[in-house]
């Protein structure tokens, strides 16, 4: 499952398209290796309105 998720995260990094809060949260909770990728994405695309607070993903738009 990790390769598919990583591929989707890589596409998001290249295109700037938000893969969705639910997808990011699922990856975050299931795979610590993907947490690093997600941290980099959120730092790069602050306009998505998603942040990490106390190691939990938070959607500021909700």
PDB file of N, CA and C in Angstrom:
ATOM      1  N   UNK A   1       0.818  -1.197   0.000  1.00  0.00           N
ATOM      2  CA  UNK A   1       0.000   0.000   0.000  1.00  0.00           C
ATOM      3  C   UNK A   1       0.865   1.265   0.000  1.00  0.00           C
ATOM      4  N   UNK A   2       2.024   1.192   0.655  1.00  0.00           N
ATOM      5  CA  UNK A   2       2.874   2.365   0.738  1.00  0.00           C
ATOM      6  C   UNK A   2       3.272   2.923  -0.624  1.00  0.00           C
ATOM      7  N   UNK A   3       3.643   2.083  -1.607  1.00  0.00           N
ATOM      8  CA  UNK A   3       4.036   2.651  -2.905  1.00  0.00           C
ATOM      9  C   UNK A   3       2.925   3.465  -3.565  1.00  0.00           C
ATOM     10  N   UNK A   4       1.694   3.015  -3.461  1.00  0.00           N
ATOM     11  CA  UNK A   4       0.586   3.767  -4.058  1.00  0.00           C
ATOM     12  C   UNK A   4       0.378   5.101  -3.350  1.00  0.00           C
ATOM     13  N   UNK A   5       0.453   5.071  -2.049  1.00  0.00           N
ATOM     14  CA  UNK A   5       0.290   6.308  -1.279  1.00  0.00           C
ATOM     15  C   UNK A   5       1.433   7.272  -1.562  1.00  0.00           C
ATOM     16  N   UNK A   6       2.632   6.728  -1.590  1.00  0.00           N
ATOM     17  CA  UNK A   6       3.805   7.578  -1.855  1.00  0.00           C
ATOM     18  C   UNK A   6       3.710   8.203  -3.243  1.00  0.00           C
ATOM     19  N   UNK A   7       3.243   7.418  -4.220  1.00  0.00           N
ATOM     20  CA  UNK A   7       3.082   7.943  -5.571  1.00  0.00           C
ATOM     21  C   UNK A   7       2.073   9.090  -5.592  1.00  0.00           C
ATOM     22  N   UNK A   8       0.969   8.932  -4.888  1.00  0.00           N
ATOM     23  CA  UNK A   8      -0.041   9.992  -4.837  1.00  0.00           C
ATOM     24  C   UNK A   8       0.512  11.238  -4.140  1.00  0.00           C
ATOM     25  N   UNK A   9       1.294  11.043  -3.093  1.00  0.00           N
ATOM     26  CA  UNK A   9       1.909  12.184  -2.404  1.00  0.00           C
ATOM     27  C   UNK A   9       2.936  12.872  -3.296  1.00  0.00           C
ATOM     28  N   UNK A  10       3.687  12.098  -4.058  1.00  0.00           N
ATOM     29  CA  UNK A  10       4.660  12.673  -4.990  1.00  0.00           C
ATOM     30  C   UNK A  10       3.970  13.481  -6.086  1.00  0.00           C
ATOM     31  N   UNK A  11       2.848  12.964  -6.593  1.00  0.00           N
ATOM     32  CA  UNK A  11       2.082  13.726  -7.594  1.00  0.00           C
ATOM     33  C   UNK A  11       1.603  15.041  -7.006  1.00  0.00           C
ATOM     34  N   UNK A  12       1.160  15.011  -5.762  1.00  0.00           N
ATOM     35  CA  UNK A  12       0.706  16.233  -5.092  1.00  0.00           C
ATOM     36  C   UNK A  12       1.861  17.218  -4.952  1.00  0.00           C
ATOM     37  N   UNK A  13       3.040  16.713  -4.638  1.00  0.00           N
ATOM     38  CA  UNK A  13       4.214  17.580  -4.489  1.00  0.00           C
ATOM     39  C   UNK A  13       4.574  18.251  -5.807  1.00  0.00           C
ATOM     40  N   UNK A  14       4.414  17.528  -6.902  1.00  0.00           N
ATOM     41  CA  UNK A  14       4.764  18.077  -8.211  1.00  0.00           C
ATOM     42  C   UNK A  14       3.695  19.010  -8.773  1.00  0.00           C
ATOM     43  N   UNK A  15       2.436  18.697  -8.490  1.00  0.00           N
ATOM     44  CA  UNK A  15       1.351  19.479  -9.086  1.00  0.00           C
ATOM     45  C   UNK A  15       0.812  20.578  -8.181  1.00  0.00           C
ATOM     46  N   UNK A  16       0.963  20.389  -6.867  1.00  0.00           N
ATOM     47  CA  UNK A  16       0.397  21.341  -5.923  1.00  0.00           C
ATOM     48  C   UNK A  16      -1.059  21.075  -5.612  1.00  0.00           C
ATOM     49  N   UNK A  17      -1.608  19.998  -6.181  1.00  0.00           N
ATOM     50  CA  UNK A  17      -2.994  19.635  -5.920  1.00  0.00           C
ATOM     51  C   UNK A  17      -3.103  18.952  -4.564  1.00  0.00           C
ATOM     52  N   UNK A  18      -4.024  19.416  -3.753  1.00  0.00           N
ATOM     53  CA  UNK A  18      -4.247  18.856  -2.430  1.00  0.00           C
ATOM     54  C   UNK A  18      -4.853  17.457  -2.581  1.00  0.00           C
ATOM     55  N   UNK A  19      -4.204  16.418  -2.021  1.00  0.00           N
ATOM     56  CA  UNK A  19      -4.749  15.067  -2.136  1.00  0.00           C
ATOM     57  C   UNK A  19      -5.938  14.814  -1.220  1.00  0.00           C
ATOM     58  N   UNK A  20      -6.231  15.753  -0.365  1.00  0.00           N
ATOM     59  CA  UNK A  20      -7.383  15.623   0.530  1.00  0.00           C
ATOM     60  C   UNK A  20      -6.957  15.349   1.963  1.00  0.00           C
ATOM     61  N   UNK A  21      -7.657  15.991   2.872  1.00  0.00           N
ATOM     62  CA  UNK A  21      -7.320  15.863   4.292  1.00  0.00           C
ATOM     63  C   UNK A  21      -7.477  14.421   4.764  1.00  0.00           C
ATOM     64  N   UNK A  22      -8.534  13.757   4.359  1.00  0.00           N
ATOM     65  CA  UNK A  22      -8.767  12.373   4.805  1.00  0.00           C
ATOM     66  C   UNK A  22      -7.645  11.443   4.348  1.00  0.00           C
ATOM     67  N   UNK A  23      -7.192  11.612   3.111  1.00  0.00           N
ATOM     68  CA  UNK A  23      -6.085  10.799   2.598  1.00  0.00           C
ATOM     69  C   UNK A  23      -4.812  11.079   3.393  1.00  0.00           C
ATOM     70  N   UNK A  24      -4.517  12.348   3.631  1.00  0.00           N
ATOM     71  CA  UNK A  24      -3.317  12.698   4.390  1.00  0.00           C
ATOM     72  C   UNK A  24      -3.389  12.145   5.810  1.00  0.00           C
ATOM     73  N   UNK A  25      -4.539  12.246   6.431  1.00  0.00           N
ATOM     74  CA  UNK A  25      -4.703  11.750   7.803  1.00  0.00           C
ATOM     75  C   UNK A  25      -4.528  10.231   7.846  1.00  0.00           C
ATOM     76  N   UNK A  26      -5.059   9.540   6.839  1.00  0.00           N
ATOM     77  CA  UNK A  26      -4.919   8.090   6.770  1.00  0.00           C
ATOM     78  C   UNK A  26      -3.450   7.689   6.632  1.00  0.00           C
ATOM     79  N   UNK A  27      -2.743   8.354   5.736  1.00  0.00           N
ATOM     80  CA  UNK A  27      -1.314   8.081   5.561  1.00  0.00           C
ATOM     81  C   UNK A  27      -0.542   8.398   6.830  1.00  0.00           C
ATOM     82  N   UNK A  28      -0.895   9.507   7.460  1.00  0.00           N
ATOM     83  CA  UNK A  28      -0.218   9.959   8.668  1.00  0.00           C
ATOM     84  C   UNK A  28      -0.332   8.914   9.780  1.00  0.00           C
ATOM     85  N   UNK A  29      -1.523   8.371   9.956  1.00  0.00           N
ATOM     86  CA  UNK A  29      -1.741   7.449  11.070  1.00  0.00           C
ATOM     87  C   UNK A  29      -1.242   6.036  10.774  1.00  0.00           C
ATOM     88  N   UNK A  30      -1.162   5.657   9.499  1.00  0.00           N
ATOM     89  CA  UNK A  30      -0.778   4.292   9.142  1.00  0.00           C
ATOM     90  C   UNK A  30       0.712   4.080   8.928  1.00  0.00           C
ATOM     91  N   UNK A  31       1.444   5.113   8.538  1.00  0.00           N
ATOM     92  CA  UNK A  31       2.818   4.893   8.103  1.00  0.00           C
ATOM     93  C   UNK A  31       3.736   6.027   8.549  1.00  0.00           C
ATOM     94  N   UNK A  32       4.559   5.778   9.566  1.00  0.00           N
ATOM     95  CA  UNK A  32       5.472   6.826  10.045  1.00  0.00           C
ATOM     96  C   UNK A  32       6.438   7.334   8.972  1.00  0.00           C
ATOM     97  N   UNK A  33       6.791   6.488   8.008  1.00  0.00           N
ATOM     98  CA  UNK A  33       7.700   6.935   6.942  1.00  0.00           C
ATOM     99  C   UNK A  33       7.043   8.005   6.082  1.00  0.00           C
ATOM    100  N   UNK A  34       5.741   7.894   5.891  1.00  0.00           N
ATOM    101  CA  UNK A  34       5.040   8.891   5.081  1.00  0.00           C
ATOM    102  C   UNK A  34       4.822  10.195   5.848  1.00  0.00           C
ATOM    103  N   UNK A  35       4.945  10.167   7.151  1.00  0.00           N
ATOM    104  CA  UNK A  35       4.815  11.397   7.934  1.00  0.00           C
ATOM    105  C   UNK A  35       5.864  12.422   7.506  1.00  0.00           C
ATOM    106  N   UNK A  36       7.037  11.952   7.186  1.00  0.00           N
ATOM    107  CA  UNK A  36       8.105  12.856   6.733  1.00  0.00           C
ATOM    108  C   UNK A  36       7.709  13.529   5.428  1.00  0.00           C
ATOM    109  N   UNK A  37       7.171  12.740   4.505  1.00  0.00           N
ATOM    110  CA  UNK A  37       6.734  13.277   3.216  1.00  0.00           C
ATOM    111  C   UNK A  37       5.613  14.292   3.417  1.00  0.00           C
ATOM    112  N   UNK A  38       4.680  13.960   4.289  1.00  0.00           N
ATOM    113  CA  UNK A  38       3.547  14.855   4.554  1.00  0.00           C
ATOM    114  C   UNK A  38       4.021  16.155   5.202  1.00  0.00           C
ATOM    115  N   UNK A  39       4.958  16.071   6.114  1.00  0.00           N
ATOM    116  CA  UNK A  39       5.493  17.284   6.743  1.00  0.00           C
ATOM    117  C   UNK A  39       6.092  18.219   5.686  1.00  0.00           C
ATOM    118  N   UNK A  40       6.825  17.656   4.748  1.00  0.00           N
ATOM    119  CA  UNK A  40       7.427  18.461   3.684  1.00  0.00           C
ATOM    120  C   UNK A  40       6.357  19.072   2.785  1.00  0.00           C
ATOM    121  N   UNK A  41       5.322  18.288   2.469  1.00  0.00           N
ATOM    122  CA  UNK A  41       4.226  18.800   1.646  1.00  0.00           C
ATOM    123  C   UNK A  41       3.523  19.970   2.329  1.00  0.00           C
ATOM    124  N   UNK A  42       3.232  19.818   3.599  1.00  0.00           N
ATOM    125  CA  UNK A  42       2.493  20.864   4.314  1.00  0.00           C
ATOM    126  C   UNK A  42       3.331  22.127   4.476  1.00  0.00           C
ATOM    127  N   UNK A  43       4.637  21.965   4.583  1.00  0.00           N
ATOM    128  CA  UNK A  43       5.510  23.142   4.651  1.00  0.00           C
ATOM    129  C   UNK A  43       5.545  23.859   3.298  1.00  0.00           C
ATOM    130  N   UNK A  44       5.484  23.094   2.230  1.00  0.00           N
ATOM    131  CA  UNK A  44       5.546  23.664   0.880  1.00  0.00           C
ATOM    132  C   UNK A  44       4.224  24.286   0.448  1.00  0.00           C
ATOM    133  N   UNK A  45       3.108  23.677   0.860  1.00  0.00           N
ATOM    134  CA  UNK A  45       1.788  24.127   0.422  1.00  0.00           C
ATOM    135  C   UNK A  45       0.935  24.558   1.614  1.00  0.00           C
ATOM    136  N   UNK A  46       1.321  25.639   2.221  1.00  0.00           N
ATOM    137  CA  UNK A  46       0.583  26.168   3.382  1.00  0.00           C
ATOM    138  C   UNK A  46      -0.836  26.583   3.011  1.00  0.00           C
ATOM    139  N   UNK A  47      -1.056  26.873   1.742  1.00  0.00           N
ATOM    140  CA  UNK A  47      -2.376  27.312   1.300  1.00  0.00           C
ATOM    141  C   UNK A  47      -3.431  26.214   1.409  1.00  0.00           C
ATOM    142  N   UNK A  48      -3.016  24.979   1.611  1.00  0.00           N
ATOM    143  CA  UNK A  48      -3.974  23.892   1.797  1.00  0.00           C
ATOM    144  C   UNK A  48      -4.740  24.035   3.107  1.00  0.00           C
ATOM    145  N   UNK A  49      -4.190  24.787   4.060  1.00  0.00           N
ATOM    146  CA  UNK A  49      -4.877  24.988   5.331  1.00  0.00           C
ATOM    147  C   UNK A  49      -4.795  23.792   6.256  1.00  0.00           C
ATOM    148  N   UNK A  50      -3.749  22.995   6.114  1.00  0.00           N
ATOM    149  CA  UNK A  50      -3.558  21.829   6.971  1.00  0.00           C
ATOM    150  C   UNK A  50      -2.257  22.023   7.731  1.00  0.00           C
ATOM    151  N   UNK A  51      -2.309  21.756   9.029  1.00  0.00           N
ATOM    152  CA  UNK A  51      -1.129  21.944   9.866  1.00  0.00           C
ATOM    153  C   UNK A  51      -0.946  20.732  10.770  1.00  0.00           C
ATOM    154  N   UNK A  52       0.211  20.670  11.392  1.00  0.00           N
ATOM    155  CA  UNK A  52       0.508  19.628  12.366  1.00  0.00           C
ATOM    156  C   UNK A  52       0.582  20.295  13.729  1.00  0.00           C
ATOM    157  N   UNK A  53      -0.288  19.873  14.630  1.00  0.00           N
ATOM    158  CA  UNK A  53      -0.326  20.413  15.983  1.00  0.00           C
ATOM    159  C   UNK A  53      -0.183  19.241  16.945  1.00  0.00           C
ATOM    160  N   UNK A  54       0.867  19.258  17.730  1.00  0.00           N
ATOM    161  CA  UNK A  54       1.136  18.164  18.673  1.00  0.00           C
ATOM    162  C   UNK A  54       1.097  16.805  17.977  1.00  0.00           C
ATOM    163  N   UNK A  55       1.746  16.726  16.817  1.00  0.00           N
ATOM    164  CA  UNK A  55       1.856  15.499  16.023  1.00  0.00           C
ATOM    165  C   UNK A  55       0.498  14.964  15.543  1.00  0.00           C
ATOM    166  N   UNK A  56      -0.485  15.856  15.395  1.00  0.00           N
ATOM    167  CA  UNK A  56      -1.798  15.506  14.866  1.00  0.00           C
ATOM    168  C   UNK A  56      -2.101  16.453  13.703  1.00  0.00           C
ATOM    169  N   UNK A  57      -2.647  15.915  12.610  1.00  0.00           N
ATOM    170  CA  UNK A  57      -3.024  16.761  11.477  1.00  0.00           C
ATOM    171  C   UNK A  57      -4.307  17.509  11.798  1.00  0.00           C
ATOM    172  N   UNK A  58      -4.313  18.795  11.468  1.00  0.00           N
ATOM    173  CA  UNK A  58      -5.466  19.642  11.737  1.00  0.00           C
ATOM    174  C   UNK A  58      -5.817  20.393  10.443  1.00  0.00           C
ATOM    175  N   UNK A  59      -7.083  20.347  10.085  1.00  0.00           N
ATOM    176  CA  UNK A  59      -7.583  21.084   8.918  1.00  0.00           C
ATOM    177  C   UNK A  59      -8.187  22.381   9.410  1.00  0.00           C
ATOM    178  N   UNK A  60      -7.535  23.501   9.093  1.00  0.00           N
ATOM    179  CA  UNK A  60      -8.005  24.807   9.561  1.00  0.00           C
ATOM    180  C   UNK A  60      -9.289  25.241   8.873  1.00  0.00           C
ATOM    181  N   UNK A  61      -9.628  24.585   7.774  1.00  0.00           N
ATOM    182  CA  UNK A  61     -10.828  24.969   7.020  1.00  0.00           C
ATOM    183  C   UNK A  61     -12.102  24.342   7.566  1.00  0.00           C
ATOM    184  N   UNK A  62     -11.979  23.396   8.478  1.00  0.00           N
ATOM    185  CA  UNK A  62     -13.178  22.745   9.036  1.00  0.00           C
ATOM    186  C   UNK A  62     -13.725  23.520  10.196  1.00  0.00           C
TER     187      UNK A  62
END
